[in-house]
Amino acid sequence: MATVKISGMRCGHCVGSVSKALSEIEGVSNVQVDLDKGQATYDEKQTVSKEVIKKAIADIGFEAE
């Protein structure tokens, strides 16, 4: 399971947006977004670059570390 820190999430809608964006990446599954911790965890069916993850998060207005 991989983890990515996300800043800028403030509500349940933000969580849903991040979850949807990550779930749409080929090879990513079982996305869990935790608003309180400011992070998302996910499984990789195949190797997915951290840059792809960060770009998907940035494209919807948040910042990934």
PDB file of N, CA and C in Angstrom:
ATOM      1  N   MET A   1       0.843  -1.178   0.000  1.00  0.00           N
ATOM      2  CA  MET A   1       0.000   0.000   0.000  1.00  0.00           C
ATOM      3  C   MET A   1       0.887   1.238   0.000  1.00  0.00           C
ATOM      4  N   ALA A   2       0.579   2.175  -0.878  1.00  0.00           N
ATOM      5  CA  ALA A   2       1.339   3.417  -0.979  1.00  0.00           C
ATOM      6  C   ALA A   2       0.564   4.543  -0.302  1.00  0.00           C
ATOM      7  N   THR A   3       1.301   5.558   0.144  1.00  0.00           N
ATOM      8  CA  THR A   3       0.703   6.707   0.814  1.00  0.00           C
ATOM      9  C   THR A   3       1.214   7.989   0.186  1.00  0.00           C
ATOM     10  N   VAL A   4       0.327   8.972   0.061  1.00  0.00           N
ATOM     11  CA  VAL A   4       0.724  10.288  -0.423  1.00  0.00           C
ATOM     12  C   VAL A   4       0.090  11.332   0.494  1.00  0.00           C
ATOM     13  N   LYS A   5       0.894  12.307   0.931  1.00  0.00           N
ATOM     14  CA  LYS A   5       0.401  13.414   1.751  1.00  0.00           C
ATOM     15  C   LYS A   5      -0.244  14.439   0.828  1.00  0.00           C
ATOM     16  N   ILE A   6      -1.369  15.005   1.254  1.00  0.00           N
ATOM     17  CA  ILE A   6      -2.110  15.966   0.438  1.00  0.00           C
ATOM     18  C   ILE A   6      -2.458  17.173   1.297  1.00  0.00           C
ATOM     19  N   SER A   7      -2.155  18.366   0.784  1.00  0.00           N
ATOM     20  CA  SER A   7      -2.540  19.569   1.508  1.00  0.00           C
ATOM     21  C   SER A   7      -3.617  20.308   0.727  1.00  0.00           C
ATOM     22  N   GLY A   8      -4.472  21.003   1.476  1.00  0.00           N
ATOM     23  CA  GLY A   8      -5.530  21.793   0.860  1.00  0.00           C
ATOM     24  C   GLY A   8      -6.921  21.195   0.977  1.00  0.00           C
ATOM     25  N   MET A   9      -7.025  19.950   1.441  1.00  0.00           N
ATOM     26  CA  MET A   9      -8.350  19.337   1.599  1.00  0.00           C
ATOM     27  C   MET A   9      -9.017  19.921   2.842  1.00  0.00           C
ATOM     28  N   ARG A  10     -10.303  20.285   2.711  1.00  0.00           N
ATOM     29  CA  ARG A  10     -10.997  20.916   3.821  1.00  0.00           C
ATOM     30  C   ARG A  10     -12.347  20.262   4.175  1.00  0.00           C
ATOM     31  N   CYS A  11     -12.855  19.409   3.278  1.00  0.00           N
ATOM     32  CA  CYS A  11     -14.205  18.879   3.516  1.00  0.00           C
ATOM     33  C   CYS A  11     -14.390  17.524   2.823  1.00  0.00           C
ATOM     34  N   GLY A  12     -15.566  16.974   3.005  1.00  0.00           N
ATOM     35  CA  GLY A  12     -15.893  15.692   2.397  1.00  0.00           C
ATOM     36  C   GLY A  12     -15.881  15.737   0.877  1.00  0.00           C
ATOM     37  N   HIS A  13     -16.264  16.873   0.319  1.00  0.00           N
ATOM     38  CA  HIS A  13     -16.231  17.022  -1.139  1.00  0.00           C
ATOM     39  C   HIS A  13     -14.789  16.909  -1.645  1.00  0.00           C
ATOM     40  N   CYS A  14     -13.859  17.504  -0.918  1.00  0.00           N
ATOM     41  CA  CYS A  14     -12.434  17.415  -1.272  1.00  0.00           C
ATOM     42  C   CYS A  14     -11.978  15.951  -1.263  1.00  0.00           C
ATOM     43  N   VAL A  15     -12.377  15.228  -0.238  1.00  0.00           N
ATOM     44  CA  VAL A  15     -12.030  13.811  -0.124  1.00  0.00           C
ATOM     45  C   VAL A  15     -12.565  13.048  -1.328  1.00  0.00           C
ATOM     46  N   GLY A  16     -13.805  13.316  -1.695  1.00  0.00           N
ATOM     47  CA  GLY A  16     -14.406  12.645  -2.846  1.00  0.00           C
ATOM     48  C   GLY A  16     -13.689  12.960  -4.141  1.00  0.00           C
ATOM     49  N   SER A  17     -13.289  14.214  -4.301  1.00  0.00           N
ATOM     50  CA  SER A  17     -12.575  14.625  -5.511  1.00  0.00           C
ATOM     51  C   SER A  17     -11.232  13.923  -5.630  1.00  0.00           C
ATOM     52  N   VAL A  18     -10.491  13.863  -4.527  1.00  0.00           N
ATOM     53  CA  VAL A  18      -9.189  13.198  -4.533  1.00  0.00           C
ATOM     54  C   VAL A  18      -9.360  11.704  -4.781  1.00  0.00           C
ATOM     55  N   SER A  19     -10.327  11.104  -4.119  1.00  0.00           N
ATOM     56  CA  SER A  19     -10.579   9.675  -4.293  1.00  0.00           C
ATOM     57  C   SER A  19     -10.903   9.352  -5.748  1.00  0.00           C
ATOM     58  N   LYS A  20     -11.748  10.152  -6.356  1.00  0.00           N
ATOM     59  CA  LYS A  20     -12.132   9.940  -7.756  1.00  0.00           C
ATOM     60  C   LYS A  20     -10.934  10.105  -8.680  1.00  0.00           C
ATOM     61  N   ALA A  21     -10.156  11.157  -8.466  1.00  0.00           N
ATOM     62  CA  ALA A  21      -8.998  11.421  -9.330  1.00  0.00           C
ATOM     63  C   ALA A  21      -7.985  10.277  -9.269  1.00  0.00           C
ATOM     64  N   LEU A  22      -7.716   9.786  -8.073  1.00  0.00           N
ATOM     65  CA  LEU A  22      -6.742   8.705  -7.936  1.00  0.00           C
ATOM     66  C   LEU A  22      -7.294   7.388  -8.478  1.00  0.00           C
ATOM     67  N   SER A  23      -8.576   7.138  -8.266  1.00  0.00           N
ATOM     68  CA  SER A  23      -9.189   5.896  -8.740  1.00  0.00           C
ATOM     69  C   SER A  23      -9.194   5.797 -10.263  1.00  0.00           C
ATOM     70  N   GLU A  24      -9.159   6.941 -10.936  1.00  0.00           N
ATOM     71  CA  GLU A  24      -9.176   6.941 -12.399  1.00  0.00           C
ATOM     72  C   GLU A  24      -7.806   6.667 -13.021  1.00  0.00           C
ATOM     73  N   ILE A  25      -6.763   6.609 -12.208  1.00  0.00           N
ATOM     74  CA  ILE A  25      -5.423   6.317 -12.714  1.00  0.00           C
ATOM     75  C   ILE A  25      -5.299   4.813 -12.942  1.00  0.00           C
ATOM     76  N   GLU A  26      -4.865   4.452 -14.128  1.00  0.00           N
ATOM     77  CA  GLU A  26      -4.693   3.037 -14.443  1.00  0.00           C
ATOM     78  C   GLU A  26      -3.657   2.423 -13.510  1.00  0.00           C
ATOM     79  N   GLY A  27      -4.033   1.308 -12.889  1.00  0.00           N
ATOM     80  CA  GLY A  27      -3.135   0.603 -11.986  1.00  0.00           C
ATOM     81  C   GLY A  27      -3.358   0.928 -10.519  1.00  0.00           C
ATOM     82  N   VAL A  28      -4.204   1.919 -10.222  1.00  0.00           N
ATOM     83  CA  VAL A  28      -4.470   2.306  -8.835  1.00  0.00           C
ATOM     84  C   VAL A  28      -5.820   1.730  -8.406  1.00  0.00           C
ATOM     85  N   SER A  29      -5.859   1.155  -7.199  1.00  0.00           N
ATOM     86  CA  SER A  29      -7.104   0.606  -6.660  1.00  0.00           C
ATOM     87  C   SER A  29      -7.152   0.818  -5.152  1.00  0.00           C
ATOM     88  N   ASN A  30      -8.302   0.526  -4.565  1.00  0.00           N
ATOM     89  CA  ASN A  30      -8.490   0.600  -3.107  1.00  0.00           C
ATOM     90  C   ASN A  30      -8.042   1.935  -2.521  1.00  0.00           C
ATOM     91  N   VAL A  31      -8.472   3.032  -3.120  1.00  0.00           N
ATOM     92  CA  VAL A  31      -8.092   4.364  -2.653  1.00  0.00           C
ATOM     93  C   VAL A  31      -8.854   4.692  -1.370  1.00  0.00           C
ATOM     94  N   GLN A  32      -8.131   5.136  -0.361  1.00  0.00           N
ATOM     95  CA  GLN A  32      -8.709   5.584   0.904  1.00  0.00           C
ATOM     96  C   GLN A  32      -8.127   6.959   1.211  1.00  0.00           C
ATOM     97  N   VAL A  33      -8.982   7.957   1.343  1.00  0.00           N
ATOM     98  CA  VAL A  33      -8.531   9.322   1.619  1.00  0.00           C
ATOM     99  C   VAL A  33      -8.941   9.684   3.038  1.00  0.00           C
ATOM    100  N   ASP A  34      -7.980  10.157   3.830  1.00  0.00           N
ATOM    101  CA  ASP A  34      -8.214  10.519   5.230  1.00  0.00           C
ATOM    102  C   ASP A  34      -8.052  12.030   5.381  1.00  0.00           C
ATOM    103  N   LEU A  35      -9.157  12.728   5.579  1.00  0.00           N
ATOM    104  CA  LEU A  35      -9.145  14.181   5.703  1.00  0.00           C
ATOM    105  C   LEU A  35      -8.352  14.621   6.929  1.00  0.00           C
ATOM    106  N   ASP A  36      -8.550  13.960   8.064  1.00  0.00           N
ATOM    107  CA  ASP A  36      -7.866  14.344   9.305  1.00  0.00           C
ATOM    108  C   ASP A  36      -6.349  14.201   9.207  1.00  0.00           C
ATOM    109  N   LYS A  37      -5.894  13.158   8.559  1.00  0.00           N
ATOM    110  CA  LYS A  37      -4.454  12.932   8.406  1.00  0.00           C
ATOM    111  C   LYS A  37      -3.878  13.674   7.208  1.00  0.00           C
ATOM    112  N   GLY A  38      -4.755  14.125   6.306  1.00  0.00           N
ATOM    113  CA  GLY A  38      -4.298  14.828   5.106  1.00  0.00           C
ATOM    114  C   GLY A  38      -3.499  13.918   4.198  1.00  0.00           C
ATOM    115  N   GLN A  39      -4.024  12.723   3.969  1.00  0.00           N
ATOM    116  CA  GLN A  39      -3.308  11.767   3.136  1.00  0.00           C
ATOM    117  C   GLN A  39      -4.249  10.807   2.435  1.00  0.00           C
ATOM    118  N   ALA A  40      -3.704  10.167   1.429  1.00  0.00           N
ATOM    119  CA  ALA A  40      -4.438   9.114   0.720  1.00  0.00           C
ATOM    120  C   ALA A  40      -3.556   7.878   0.675  1.00  0.00           C
ATOM    121  N   THR A  41      -4.179   6.724   0.807  1.00  0.00           N
ATOM    122  CA  THR A  41      -3.477   5.459   0.638  1.00  0.00           C
ATOM    123  C   THR A  41      -4.148   4.732  -0.521  1.00  0.00           C
ATOM    124  N   TYR A  42      -3.353   3.918  -1.202  1.00  0.00           N
ATOM    125  CA  TYR A  42      -3.881   3.190  -2.355  1.00  0.00           C
ATOM    126  C   TYR A  42      -3.003   1.992  -2.650  1.00  0.00           C
ATOM    127  N   ASP A  43      -3.572   1.027  -3.358  1.00  0.00           N
ATOM    128  CA  ASP A  43      -2.824  -0.141  -3.821  1.00  0.00           C
ATOM    129  C   ASP A  43      -2.472   0.068  -5.286  1.00  0.00           C
ATOM    130  N   GLU A  44      -1.370  -0.509  -5.683  1.00  0.00           N
ATOM    131  CA  GLU A  44      -0.947  -0.449  -7.074  1.00  0.00           C
ATOM    132  C   GLU A  44      -1.019  -1.844  -7.685  1.00  0.00           C
ATOM    133  N   LYS A  45      -1.816  -1.990  -8.744  1.00  0.00           N
ATOM    134  CA  LYS A  45      -1.874  -3.252  -9.482  1.00  0.00           C
ATOM    135  C   LYS A  45      -0.643  -3.381 -10.368  1.00  0.00           C
ATOM    136  N   GLN A  46      -0.084  -2.230 -10.712  1.00  0.00           N
ATOM    137  CA  GLN A  46       1.166  -2.142 -11.469  1.00  0.00           C
ATOM    138  C   GLN A  46       1.868  -0.895 -10.947  1.00  0.00           C
ATOM    139  N   THR A  47       3.144  -0.758 -11.221  1.00  0.00           N
ATOM    140  CA  THR A  47       3.889   0.388 -10.718  1.00  0.00           C
ATOM    141  C   THR A  47       3.353   1.687 -11.326  1.00  0.00           C
ATOM    142  N   VAL A  48       3.067   2.655 -10.446  1.00  0.00           N
ATOM    143  CA  VAL A  48       2.579   3.964 -10.872  1.00  0.00           C
ATOM    144  C   VAL A  48       3.542   5.013 -10.322  1.00  0.00           C
ATOM    145  N   SER A  49       4.049   5.855 -11.193  1.00  0.00           N
ATOM    146  CA  SER A  49       4.998   6.895 -10.804  1.00  0.00           C
ATOM    147  C   SER A  49       4.365   7.864  -9.815  1.00  0.00           C
ATOM    148  N   LYS A  50       5.149   8.296  -8.819  1.00  0.00           N
ATOM    149  CA  LYS A  50       4.669   9.300  -7.868  1.00  0.00           C
ATOM    150  C   LYS A  50       4.317  10.591  -8.600  1.00  0.00           C
ATOM    151  N   GLU A  51       5.009  10.882  -9.703  1.00  0.00           N
ATOM    152  CA  GLU A  51       4.722  12.088 -10.477  1.00  0.00           C
ATOM    153  C   GLU A  51       3.322  12.027 -11.083  1.00  0.00           C
ATOM    154  N   VAL A  52       2.887  10.848 -11.501  1.00  0.00           N
ATOM    155  CA  VAL A  52       1.534  10.680 -12.040  1.00  0.00           C
ATOM    156  C   VAL A  52       0.509  10.941 -10.934  1.00  0.00           C
ATOM    157  N   ILE A  53       0.775  10.428  -9.747  1.00  0.00           N
ATOM    158  CA  ILE A  53      -0.107  10.629  -8.599  1.00  0.00           C
ATOM    159  C   ILE A  53      -0.165  12.114  -8.256  1.00  0.00           C
ATOM    160  N   LYS A  54       0.997  12.747  -8.150  1.00  0.00           N
ATOM    161  CA  LYS A  54       1.054  14.174  -7.800  1.00  0.00           C
ATOM    162  C   LYS A  54       0.345  15.035  -8.834  1.00  0.00           C
ATOM    163  N   LYS A  55       0.498  14.716 -10.114  1.00  0.00           N
ATOM    164  CA  LYS A  55      -0.147  15.499 -11.169  1.00  0.00           C
ATOM    165  C   LYS A  55      -1.661  15.370 -11.092  1.00  0.00           C
ATOM    166  N   ALA A  56      -2.165  14.163 -10.846  1.00  0.00           N
ATOM    167  CA  ALA A  56      -3.612  13.962 -10.735  1.00  0.00           C
ATOM    168  C   ALA A  56      -4.182  14.788  -9.585  1.00  0.00           C
ATOM    169  N   ILE A  57      -3.444  14.869  -8.500  1.00  0.00           N
ATOM    170  CA  ILE A  57      -3.891  15.648  -7.339  1.00  0.00           C
ATOM    171  C   ILE A  57      -3.788  17.144  -7.638  1.00  0.00           C
ATOM    172  N   ALA A  58      -2.702  17.562  -8.271  1.00  0.00           N
ATOM    173  CA  ALA A  58      -2.525  18.976  -8.618  1.00  0.00           C
ATOM    174  C   ALA A  58      -3.585  19.433  -9.624  1.00  0.00           C
ATOM    175  N   ASP A  59      -3.948  18.564 -10.538  1.00  0.00           N
ATOM    176  CA  ASP A  59      -4.938  18.912 -11.564  1.00  0.00           C
ATOM    177  C   ASP A  59      -6.315  19.243 -10.994  1.00  0.00           C
ATOM    178  N   ILE A  60      -6.594  18.787  -9.767  1.00  0.00           N
ATOM    179  CA  ILE A  60      -7.882  19.095  -9.151  1.00  0.00           C
ATOM    180  C   ILE A  60      -7.736  20.146  -8.041  1.00  0.00           C
ATOM    181  N   GLY A  61      -6.552  20.756  -7.947  1.00  0.00           N
ATOM    182  CA  GLY A  61      -6.390  21.910  -7.067  1.00  0.00           C
ATOM    183  C   GLY A  61      -5.777  21.672  -5.708  1.00  0.00           C
ATOM    184  N   PHE A  62      -5.173  20.509  -5.502  1.00  0.00           N
ATOM    185  CA  PHE A  62      -4.530  20.228  -4.225  1.00  0.00           C
ATOM    186  C   PHE A  62      -3.040  20.010  -4.443  1.00  0.00           C
ATOM    187  N   GLU A  63      -2.296  19.958  -3.363  1.00  0.00           N
ATOM    188  CA  GLU A  63      -0.857  19.751  -3.465  1.00  0.00           C
ATOM    189  C   GLU A  63      -0.478  18.444  -2.790  1.00  0.00           C
ATOM    190  N   ALA A  64       0.282  17.639  -3.510  1.00  0.00           N
ATOM    191  CA  ALA A  64       0.756  16.362  -2.981  1.00  0.00           C
ATOM    192  C   ALA A  64       2.230  16.469  -2.639  1.00  0.00           C
ATOM    193  N   GLU A  65       2.604  15.823  -1.555  1.00  0.00           N
ATOM    194  CA  GLU A  65       4.017  15.817  -1.133  1.00  0.00           C
ATOM    195  C   GLU A  65       4.609  14.455  -1.372  1.00  0.00           C
TER     196      GLU A  65
END
